[in-house]
């Protein structure tokens, strides 16, 4: 994972409070009857939004890990409740790289490993585009060479 991922996660963490704060501020300014609840909500948002954006990205960078081997893709996520996912290569259906506008601006990519699992795809965010591309190629090659399928 690239250290620049912290910037991406900080931007994502600030986006919702800014949009929600703007909407609440507009309601607060235009509707007198809403002021008893929009005022406290704006104060809470003004405190909790920046706090979340200051703490979450570094914490996420510290605890999220991933690895690929010839047998499986491993990913660990979660802040309080840790989730360790193992996707055997025989269950991999597709391997994609995704680069949204903000990821492109920061020189990052997301590796998406779709499996035959009801839990859904494994998303490995905050990678250098080259690392994501190499991992996708390697996994695709291993998957092609793996006989059978465990679906």
N, C-alpha and C. Protein backbone atom coordinates (compact mmCIF):
# COMPACT_ATOMS: atom_id res chain seq x y z
N UNK A 1 0.84 -1.17 0.00
CA UNK A 1 0.00 0.00 0.00
C UNK A 1 0.89 1.24 0.00
N UNK A 2 0.52 2.20 -0.77
CA UNK A 2 1.27 3.44 -0.87
C UNK A 2 0.90 4.41 0.25
N UNK A 3 1.85 5.16 0.73
CA UNK A 3 1.58 6.16 1.78
C UNK A 3 0.61 7.23 1.27
N UNK A 4 0.60 7.47 -0.05
CA UNK A 4 -0.34 8.46 -0.63
C UNK A 4 -1.79 8.07 -0.42
N UNK A 5 -2.04 6.81 -0.10
CA UNK A 5 -3.41 6.35 0.15
C UNK A 5 -4.02 7.12 1.32
N UNK A 6 -3.19 7.57 2.25
CA UNK A 6 -3.70 8.35 3.39
C UNK A 6 -4.37 9.63 2.88
N UNK A 7 -3.80 10.26 1.86
CA UNK A 7 -4.41 11.46 1.26
C UNK A 7 -5.77 11.13 0.63
N UNK A 8 -5.83 10.01 -0.06
CA UNK A 8 -7.08 9.58 -0.69
C UNK A 8 -8.16 9.36 0.36
N UNK A 9 -7.82 8.64 1.42
CA UNK A 9 -8.79 8.34 2.46
C UNK A 9 -9.18 9.59 3.24
N UNK A 10 -8.25 10.54 3.37
CA UNK A 10 -8.58 11.81 4.03
C UNK A 10 -9.58 12.58 3.19
N UNK A 11 -9.36 12.63 1.89
CA UNK A 11 -10.30 13.32 1.00
C UNK A 11 -11.68 12.67 1.05
N UNK A 12 -11.72 11.34 1.05
CA UNK A 12 -13.01 10.64 1.14
C UNK A 12 -13.69 10.90 2.48
N UNK A 13 -12.89 10.96 3.56
CA UNK A 13 -13.45 11.19 4.89
C UNK A 13 -13.99 12.61 5.03
N UNK A 14 -13.45 13.56 4.30
CA UNK A 14 -13.92 14.95 4.37
C UNK A 14 -15.09 15.22 3.44
N UNK A 15 -15.25 14.43 2.41
CA UNK A 15 -16.28 14.70 1.40
C UNK A 15 -17.69 14.67 1.98
N UNK A 16 -18.05 13.63 2.70
CA UNK A 16 -19.40 13.52 3.24
C UNK A 16 -19.71 14.62 4.26
N UNK A 17 -18.82 14.89 5.22
CA UNK A 17 -19.13 15.97 6.16
C UNK A 17 -19.27 17.34 5.48
N UNK A 18 -18.49 17.58 4.44
CA UNK A 18 -18.60 18.86 3.73
C UNK A 18 -19.93 18.98 3.00
N UNK A 19 -20.34 17.94 2.31
CA UNK A 19 -21.62 17.96 1.58
C UNK A 19 -22.78 18.03 2.57
N UNK A 20 -22.74 17.18 3.58
CA UNK A 20 -23.80 17.17 4.58
C UNK A 20 -23.84 18.48 5.36
N UNK A 21 -22.67 19.02 5.68
CA UNK A 21 -22.60 20.31 6.38
C UNK A 21 -23.17 21.44 5.54
N UNK A 22 -22.90 21.43 4.24
CA UNK A 22 -23.46 22.44 3.35
C UNK A 22 -24.98 22.36 3.29
N UNK A 23 -25.48 21.14 3.19
CA UNK A 23 -26.94 20.97 3.15
C UNK A 23 -27.58 21.40 4.47
N UNK A 24 -26.98 20.99 5.59
CA UNK A 24 -27.50 21.39 6.89
C UNK A 24 -27.44 22.90 7.08
N UNK A 25 -26.35 23.52 6.64
CA UNK A 25 -26.21 24.97 6.76
C UNK A 25 -27.28 25.69 5.95
N UNK A 26 -27.58 25.17 4.75
CA UNK A 26 -28.62 25.78 3.92
C UNK A 26 -29.98 25.65 4.59
N UNK A 27 -30.28 24.48 5.13
CA UNK A 27 -31.55 24.28 5.83
C UNK A 27 -31.62 25.19 7.05
N UNK A 28 -30.52 25.29 7.77
CA UNK A 28 -30.45 26.13 8.98
C UNK A 28 -30.69 27.60 8.63
N UNK A 29 -30.13 28.04 7.51
CA UNK A 29 -30.27 29.45 7.12
C UNK A 29 -31.65 29.76 6.55
N UNK A 30 -32.26 28.80 5.88
CA UNK A 30 -33.51 29.08 5.16
C UNK A 30 -34.79 28.68 5.91
N UNK A 31 -34.68 27.86 6.94
CA UNK A 31 -35.89 27.36 7.60
C UNK A 31 -35.76 27.55 9.11
N UNK A 32 -36.46 28.54 9.63
CA UNK A 32 -36.38 28.87 11.06
C UNK A 32 -36.81 27.70 11.94
N UNK A 33 -37.79 26.94 11.52
CA UNK A 33 -38.29 25.83 12.33
C UNK A 33 -37.30 24.70 12.50
N UNK A 34 -36.30 24.64 11.63
CA UNK A 34 -35.32 23.55 11.70
C UNK A 34 -34.12 23.90 12.57
N UNK A 35 -34.01 25.15 12.97
CA UNK A 35 -32.82 25.58 13.71
C UNK A 35 -32.59 24.85 15.03
N UNK A 36 -33.64 24.45 15.76
CA UNK A 36 -33.36 23.73 17.01
C UNK A 36 -32.60 22.41 16.81
N UNK A 37 -32.75 21.77 15.68
CA UNK A 37 -32.01 20.52 15.46
C UNK A 37 -30.85 20.67 14.50
N UNK A 38 -30.89 21.64 13.56
CA UNK A 38 -29.78 21.79 12.62
C UNK A 38 -28.56 22.43 13.28
N UNK A 39 -28.80 23.32 14.26
CA UNK A 39 -27.67 23.94 14.96
C UNK A 39 -26.80 22.91 15.67
N UNK A 40 -27.38 22.08 16.56
CA UNK A 40 -26.58 21.03 17.21
C UNK A 40 -25.98 20.03 16.22
N UNK A 41 -26.71 19.72 15.17
CA UNK A 41 -26.18 18.79 14.16
C UNK A 41 -24.96 19.38 13.47
N UNK A 42 -25.01 20.68 13.15
CA UNK A 42 -23.87 21.35 12.53
C UNK A 42 -22.66 21.36 13.47
N UNK A 43 -22.89 21.61 14.75
CA UNK A 43 -21.79 21.61 15.72
C UNK A 43 -21.18 20.21 15.82
N UNK A 44 -22.02 19.19 15.93
CA UNK A 44 -21.52 17.82 16.00
C UNK A 44 -20.74 17.45 14.74
N UNK A 45 -21.26 17.83 13.60
CA UNK A 45 -20.58 17.55 12.34
C UNK A 45 -19.25 18.30 12.25
N UNK A 46 -19.23 19.54 12.74
CA UNK A 46 -18.00 20.34 12.70
C UNK A 46 -16.91 19.76 13.61
N UNK A 47 -17.31 19.06 14.65
CA UNK A 47 -16.34 18.44 15.55
C UNK A 47 -15.96 17.04 15.08
N UNK A 48 -16.97 16.22 14.79
CA UNK A 48 -16.72 14.82 14.47
C UNK A 48 -16.14 14.61 13.06
N UNK A 49 -16.55 15.42 12.10
CA UNK A 49 -16.04 15.26 10.73
C UNK A 49 -14.53 15.41 10.64
N UNK A 50 -13.97 16.52 11.11
CA UNK A 50 -12.51 16.66 11.07
C UNK A 50 -11.78 15.65 11.95
N UNK A 51 -12.38 15.29 13.08
CA UNK A 51 -11.76 14.28 13.95
C UNK A 51 -11.65 12.95 13.22
N UNK A 52 -12.72 12.55 12.57
CA UNK A 52 -12.72 11.31 11.78
C UNK A 52 -11.68 11.39 10.66
N UNK A 53 -11.62 12.53 9.96
CA UNK A 53 -10.67 12.68 8.85
C UNK A 53 -9.23 12.73 9.35
N UNK A 54 -9.01 13.15 10.59
CA UNK A 54 -7.66 13.21 11.13
C UNK A 54 -7.17 11.85 11.61
N UNK A 55 -8.08 11.02 12.13
CA UNK A 55 -7.68 9.75 12.74
C UNK A 55 -7.79 8.57 11.78
N UNK A 56 -8.90 8.46 11.06
CA UNK A 56 -9.19 7.27 10.28
C UNK A 56 -8.15 6.92 9.22
N UNK A 57 -7.68 7.85 8.38
CA UNK A 57 -6.76 7.44 7.31
C UNK A 57 -5.46 6.82 7.80
N UNK A 58 -4.85 7.40 8.82
CA UNK A 58 -3.59 6.83 9.34
C UNK A 58 -3.83 5.48 10.00
N UNK A 59 -4.94 5.36 10.71
CA UNK A 59 -5.28 4.10 11.36
C UNK A 59 -5.52 3.02 10.30
N UNK A 60 -6.25 3.40 9.26
CA UNK A 60 -6.53 2.45 8.19
C UNK A 60 -5.24 1.99 7.52
N UNK A 61 -4.33 2.93 7.29
CA UNK A 61 -3.04 2.59 6.67
C UNK A 61 -2.26 1.62 7.56
N UNK A 62 -2.38 1.79 8.88
CA UNK A 62 -1.64 0.95 9.81
C UNK A 62 -2.18 -0.47 9.92
N UNK A 63 -3.48 -0.67 9.71
CA UNK A 63 -4.06 -1.98 9.98
C UNK A 63 -4.47 -2.78 8.74
N UNK A 64 -4.62 -2.17 7.59
CA UNK A 64 -5.04 -2.91 6.40
C UNK A 64 -3.82 -3.49 5.68
N UNK A 65 -3.88 -4.79 5.41
CA UNK A 65 -2.79 -5.48 4.74
C UNK A 65 -3.33 -6.44 3.69
N UNK A 66 -2.45 -6.81 2.75
CA UNK A 66 -2.84 -7.76 1.72
C UNK A 66 -1.61 -8.50 1.22
N UNK A 67 -1.84 -9.64 0.60
CA UNK A 67 -0.76 -10.44 0.04
C UNK A 67 -1.34 -11.39 -0.99
N UNK A 68 -0.57 -11.68 -2.02
CA UNK A 68 -0.97 -12.70 -2.99
C UNK A 68 0.12 -13.77 -3.04
N UNK A 69 -0.32 -15.01 -3.17
CA UNK A 69 0.60 -16.13 -3.35
C UNK A 69 0.09 -16.95 -4.52
N UNK A 70 0.78 -18.03 -4.82
CA UNK A 70 0.33 -18.91 -5.90
C UNK A 70 -0.95 -19.66 -5.52
N UNK A 71 -1.28 -19.68 -4.23
CA UNK A 71 -2.45 -20.41 -3.77
C UNK A 71 -3.66 -19.54 -3.47
N UNK A 72 -3.45 -18.27 -3.04
CA UNK A 72 -4.58 -17.47 -2.58
C UNK A 72 -4.25 -15.98 -2.54
N UNK A 73 -5.31 -15.20 -2.37
CA UNK A 73 -5.21 -13.77 -2.10
C UNK A 73 -5.65 -13.59 -0.65
N UNK A 74 -4.84 -12.89 0.13
CA UNK A 74 -5.12 -12.66 1.55
C UNK A 74 -5.32 -11.15 1.75
N UNK A 75 -6.33 -10.79 2.51
CA UNK A 75 -6.57 -9.38 2.82
C UNK A 75 -7.10 -9.27 4.24
N UNK A 76 -6.57 -8.33 4.98
CA UNK A 76 -7.08 -8.07 6.32
C UNK A 76 -7.55 -6.62 6.39
N UNK A 77 -8.73 -6.43 6.97
CA UNK A 77 -9.33 -5.10 7.08
C UNK A 77 -9.98 -4.97 8.45
N UNK A 78 -10.44 -3.77 8.72
CA UNK A 78 -11.19 -3.52 9.95
C UNK A 78 -10.38 -2.78 10.98
N UNK A 79 -11.07 -1.92 11.75
CA UNK A 79 -10.41 -1.13 12.78
C UNK A 79 -10.58 -1.78 14.14
N UNK A 80 -11.78 -2.09 14.51
CA UNK A 80 -12.05 -2.74 15.79
C UNK A 80 -12.32 -4.22 15.59
N UNK A 81 -13.15 -4.53 14.63
CA UNK A 81 -13.44 -5.92 14.28
C UNK A 81 -12.56 -6.25 13.08
N UNK A 82 -11.59 -7.11 13.29
CA UNK A 82 -10.63 -7.45 12.23
C UNK A 82 -11.23 -8.55 11.36
N UNK A 83 -11.13 -8.37 10.06
CA UNK A 83 -11.61 -9.38 9.11
C UNK A 83 -10.44 -9.86 8.28
N UNK A 84 -10.21 -11.16 8.27
CA UNK A 84 -9.15 -11.79 7.49
C UNK A 84 -9.82 -12.62 6.41
N UNK A 85 -9.64 -12.21 5.14
CA UNK A 85 -10.26 -12.93 4.03
C UNK A 85 -9.19 -13.65 3.23
N UNK A 86 -9.52 -14.87 2.88
CA UNK A 86 -8.63 -15.69 2.05
C UNK A 86 -9.44 -16.13 0.85
N UNK A 87 -8.98 -15.77 -0.34
CA UNK A 87 -9.64 -16.18 -1.57
C UNK A 87 -8.72 -17.14 -2.32
N UNK A 88 -9.04 -18.43 -2.32
CA UNK A 88 -8.22 -19.39 -3.07
C UNK A 88 -8.21 -19.03 -4.56
N UNK A 89 -7.09 -19.23 -5.18
CA UNK A 89 -6.94 -18.90 -6.60
C UNK A 89 -7.99 -19.63 -7.44
N UNK A 90 -8.34 -20.84 -7.05
CA UNK A 90 -9.31 -21.61 -7.83
C UNK A 90 -10.70 -20.97 -7.80
N UNK A 91 -10.96 -20.05 -6.88
CA UNK A 91 -12.27 -19.40 -6.78
C UNK A 91 -12.28 -18.01 -7.43
N UNK A 92 -11.13 -17.54 -7.91
CA UNK A 92 -11.07 -16.22 -8.54
C UNK A 92 -11.77 -16.26 -9.89
N UNK A 93 -12.66 -15.30 -10.09
CA UNK A 93 -13.38 -15.20 -11.36
C UNK A 93 -12.83 -14.08 -12.23
N UNK A 94 -12.62 -12.92 -11.65
CA UNK A 94 -12.03 -11.81 -12.41
C UNK A 94 -11.06 -11.05 -11.52
N UNK A 95 -10.11 -10.40 -12.17
CA UNK A 95 -9.15 -9.53 -11.49
C UNK A 95 -9.12 -8.23 -12.27
N UNK A 96 -9.44 -7.13 -11.60
CA UNK A 96 -9.51 -5.84 -12.28
C UNK A 96 -8.69 -4.80 -11.52
N UNK A 97 -8.29 -3.77 -12.24
CA UNK A 97 -7.74 -2.58 -11.59
C UNK A 97 -8.68 -1.43 -11.90
N UNK A 98 -8.90 -0.61 -10.89
CA UNK A 98 -9.81 0.53 -11.01
C UNK A 98 -9.07 1.78 -10.58
N UNK A 99 -9.26 2.87 -11.34
CA UNK A 99 -8.64 4.15 -10.99
C UNK A 99 -9.66 5.26 -11.18
N UNK A 100 -10.25 5.71 -10.09
CA UNK A 100 -11.18 6.83 -10.14
C UNK A 100 -10.42 8.13 -10.34
N UNK A 101 -11.14 9.24 -10.53
CA UNK A 101 -10.48 10.53 -10.79
C UNK A 101 -9.51 10.95 -9.68
N UNK A 102 -9.92 10.79 -8.43
CA UNK A 102 -9.05 11.17 -7.32
C UNK A 102 -7.85 10.23 -7.22
N UNK A 103 -8.07 8.95 -7.46
CA UNK A 103 -6.96 8.00 -7.47
C UNK A 103 -5.98 8.34 -8.59
N UNK A 104 -6.48 8.71 -9.75
CA UNK A 104 -5.60 9.09 -10.86
C UNK A 104 -4.77 10.31 -10.49
N UNK A 105 -5.41 11.29 -9.86
CA UNK A 105 -4.69 12.52 -9.48
C UNK A 105 -3.59 12.22 -8.46
N UNK A 106 -3.82 11.26 -7.59
CA UNK A 106 -2.83 10.92 -6.56
C UNK A 106 -1.89 9.79 -6.98
N UNK A 107 -2.07 9.27 -8.19
CA UNK A 107 -1.21 8.19 -8.66
C UNK A 107 -1.45 6.89 -7.92
N UNK A 108 -2.74 6.53 -7.73
CA UNK A 108 -3.11 5.32 -7.01
C UNK A 108 -4.07 4.47 -7.83
N UNK A 109 -4.27 3.24 -7.38
CA UNK A 109 -5.21 2.34 -8.05
C UNK A 109 -5.79 1.37 -7.01
N UNK A 110 -6.87 0.71 -7.40
CA UNK A 110 -7.51 -0.31 -6.58
C UNK A 110 -7.49 -1.63 -7.34
N UNK A 111 -7.09 -2.68 -6.66
CA UNK A 111 -7.12 -4.02 -7.23
C UNK A 111 -8.40 -4.68 -6.73
N UNK A 112 -9.23 -5.17 -7.66
CA UNK A 112 -10.49 -5.81 -7.30
C UNK A 112 -10.42 -7.28 -7.73
N UNK A 113 -10.51 -8.17 -6.74
CA UNK A 113 -10.46 -9.61 -7.00
C UNK A 113 -11.86 -10.15 -6.73
N UNK A 114 -12.56 -10.52 -7.80
CA UNK A 114 -13.92 -11.05 -7.69
C UNK A 114 -13.84 -12.57 -7.59
N UNK A 115 -14.54 -13.10 -6.60
CA UNK A 115 -14.51 -14.54 -6.38
C UNK A 115 -15.92 -15.12 -6.41
N UNK A 116 -15.96 -16.43 -6.38
CA UNK A 116 -17.24 -17.13 -6.29
C UNK A 116 -17.62 -17.22 -4.81
N UNK A 117 -17.82 -16.08 -4.21
CA UNK A 117 -18.13 -16.01 -2.79
C UNK A 117 -19.33 -15.09 -2.58
N UNK A 118 -20.18 -15.46 -1.65
CA UNK A 118 -21.32 -14.59 -1.36
C UNK A 118 -20.87 -13.34 -0.63
N UNK A 119 -19.67 -13.32 -0.10
CA UNK A 119 -19.14 -12.16 0.62
C UNK A 119 -18.74 -11.03 -0.32
N UNK A 120 -18.58 -11.33 -1.58
CA UNK A 120 -18.26 -10.31 -2.57
C UNK A 120 -16.78 -10.23 -2.87
N UNK A 121 -16.45 -9.25 -3.67
CA UNK A 121 -15.08 -9.07 -4.14
C UNK A 121 -14.18 -8.56 -3.02
N UNK A 122 -12.89 -8.80 -3.19
CA UNK A 122 -11.88 -8.23 -2.30
C UNK A 122 -11.35 -6.98 -2.98
N UNK A 123 -11.44 -5.85 -2.29
CA UNK A 123 -10.94 -4.58 -2.81
C UNK A 123 -9.66 -4.22 -2.06
N UNK A 124 -8.57 -4.08 -2.80
CA UNK A 124 -7.30 -3.70 -2.21
C UNK A 124 -6.99 -2.29 -2.72
N UNK A 125 -7.19 -1.30 -1.85
CA UNK A 125 -7.10 0.10 -2.24
C UNK A 125 -5.74 0.71 -1.89
N UNK A 126 -5.43 1.78 -2.59
CA UNK A 126 -4.24 2.56 -2.26
C UNK A 126 -2.95 1.99 -2.80
N UNK A 127 -3.01 1.32 -3.94
CA UNK A 127 -1.81 0.74 -4.54
C UNK A 127 -1.25 1.65 -5.62
N UNK A 128 0.05 1.54 -5.85
CA UNK A 128 0.64 2.20 -7.01
C UNK A 128 0.06 1.51 -8.24
N UNK A 129 -0.25 2.26 -9.31
CA UNK A 129 -0.84 1.63 -10.50
C UNK A 129 0.00 0.47 -11.05
N UNK A 130 1.31 0.62 -10.99
CA UNK A 130 2.19 -0.44 -11.48
C UNK A 130 2.04 -1.70 -10.63
N UNK A 131 1.98 -1.53 -9.31
CA UNK A 131 1.83 -2.68 -8.41
C UNK A 131 0.47 -3.36 -8.62
N UNK A 132 -0.58 -2.56 -8.80
CA UNK A 132 -1.91 -3.13 -9.04
C UNK A 132 -1.92 -3.88 -10.37
N UNK A 133 -1.32 -3.31 -11.40
CA UNK A 133 -1.26 -3.97 -12.70
C UNK A 133 -0.46 -5.26 -12.66
N UNK A 134 0.69 -5.24 -11.98
CA UNK A 134 1.51 -6.44 -11.86
C UNK A 134 0.77 -7.53 -11.08
N UNK A 135 0.11 -7.14 -9.99
CA UNK A 135 -0.64 -8.13 -9.20
C UNK A 135 -1.78 -8.71 -10.02
N UNK A 136 -2.48 -7.87 -10.80
CA UNK A 136 -3.58 -8.35 -11.64
C UNK A 136 -3.06 -9.33 -12.69
N UNK A 137 -1.95 -8.99 -13.33
CA UNK A 137 -1.37 -9.88 -14.34
C UNK A 137 -0.93 -11.20 -13.72
N UNK A 138 -0.27 -11.12 -12.57
CA UNK A 138 0.22 -12.32 -11.89
C UNK A 138 -0.95 -13.22 -11.49
N UNK A 139 -1.99 -12.63 -10.89
CA UNK A 139 -3.15 -13.43 -10.49
C UNK A 139 -3.87 -14.02 -11.69
N UNK A 140 -3.99 -13.25 -12.76
CA UNK A 140 -4.63 -13.78 -13.97
C UNK A 140 -3.84 -14.95 -14.52
N UNK A 141 -2.51 -14.84 -14.51
CA UNK A 141 -1.66 -15.92 -15.01
C UNK A 141 -1.79 -17.16 -14.12
N UNK A 142 -1.75 -16.96 -12.80
CA UNK A 142 -1.88 -18.11 -11.88
C UNK A 142 -3.25 -18.76 -12.05
N UNK A 143 -4.29 -17.94 -12.20
CA UNK A 143 -5.65 -18.46 -12.36
C UNK A 143 -5.76 -19.28 -13.64
N UNK A 144 -5.15 -18.80 -14.72
CA UNK A 144 -5.17 -19.55 -15.99
C UNK A 144 -4.50 -20.92 -15.84
N UNK A 145 -3.43 -20.98 -15.04
CA UNK A 145 -2.68 -22.23 -14.88
C UNK A 145 -3.29 -23.17 -13.84
N UNK A 146 -4.26 -22.70 -13.07
CA UNK A 146 -4.86 -23.51 -12.03
C UNK A 146 -5.95 -24.40 -12.64
N UNK A 147 -5.80 -25.73 -12.53
CA UNK A 147 -6.80 -26.62 -13.11
C UNK A 147 -8.10 -26.62 -12.29
N UNK A 148 -9.19 -26.85 -13.00
CA UNK A 148 -10.49 -26.96 -12.34
C UNK A 148 -10.97 -25.62 -11.80
N UNK A 149 -12.06 -25.69 -11.09
CA UNK A 149 -12.53 -24.50 -10.40
C UNK A 149 -13.33 -24.94 -9.19
N UNK A 150 -13.23 -24.15 -8.15
CA UNK A 150 -13.87 -24.53 -6.89
C UNK A 150 -15.22 -23.85 -6.72
N UNK A 151 -15.84 -23.44 -7.83
CA UNK A 151 -17.12 -22.73 -7.71
C UNK A 151 -18.27 -23.69 -7.66
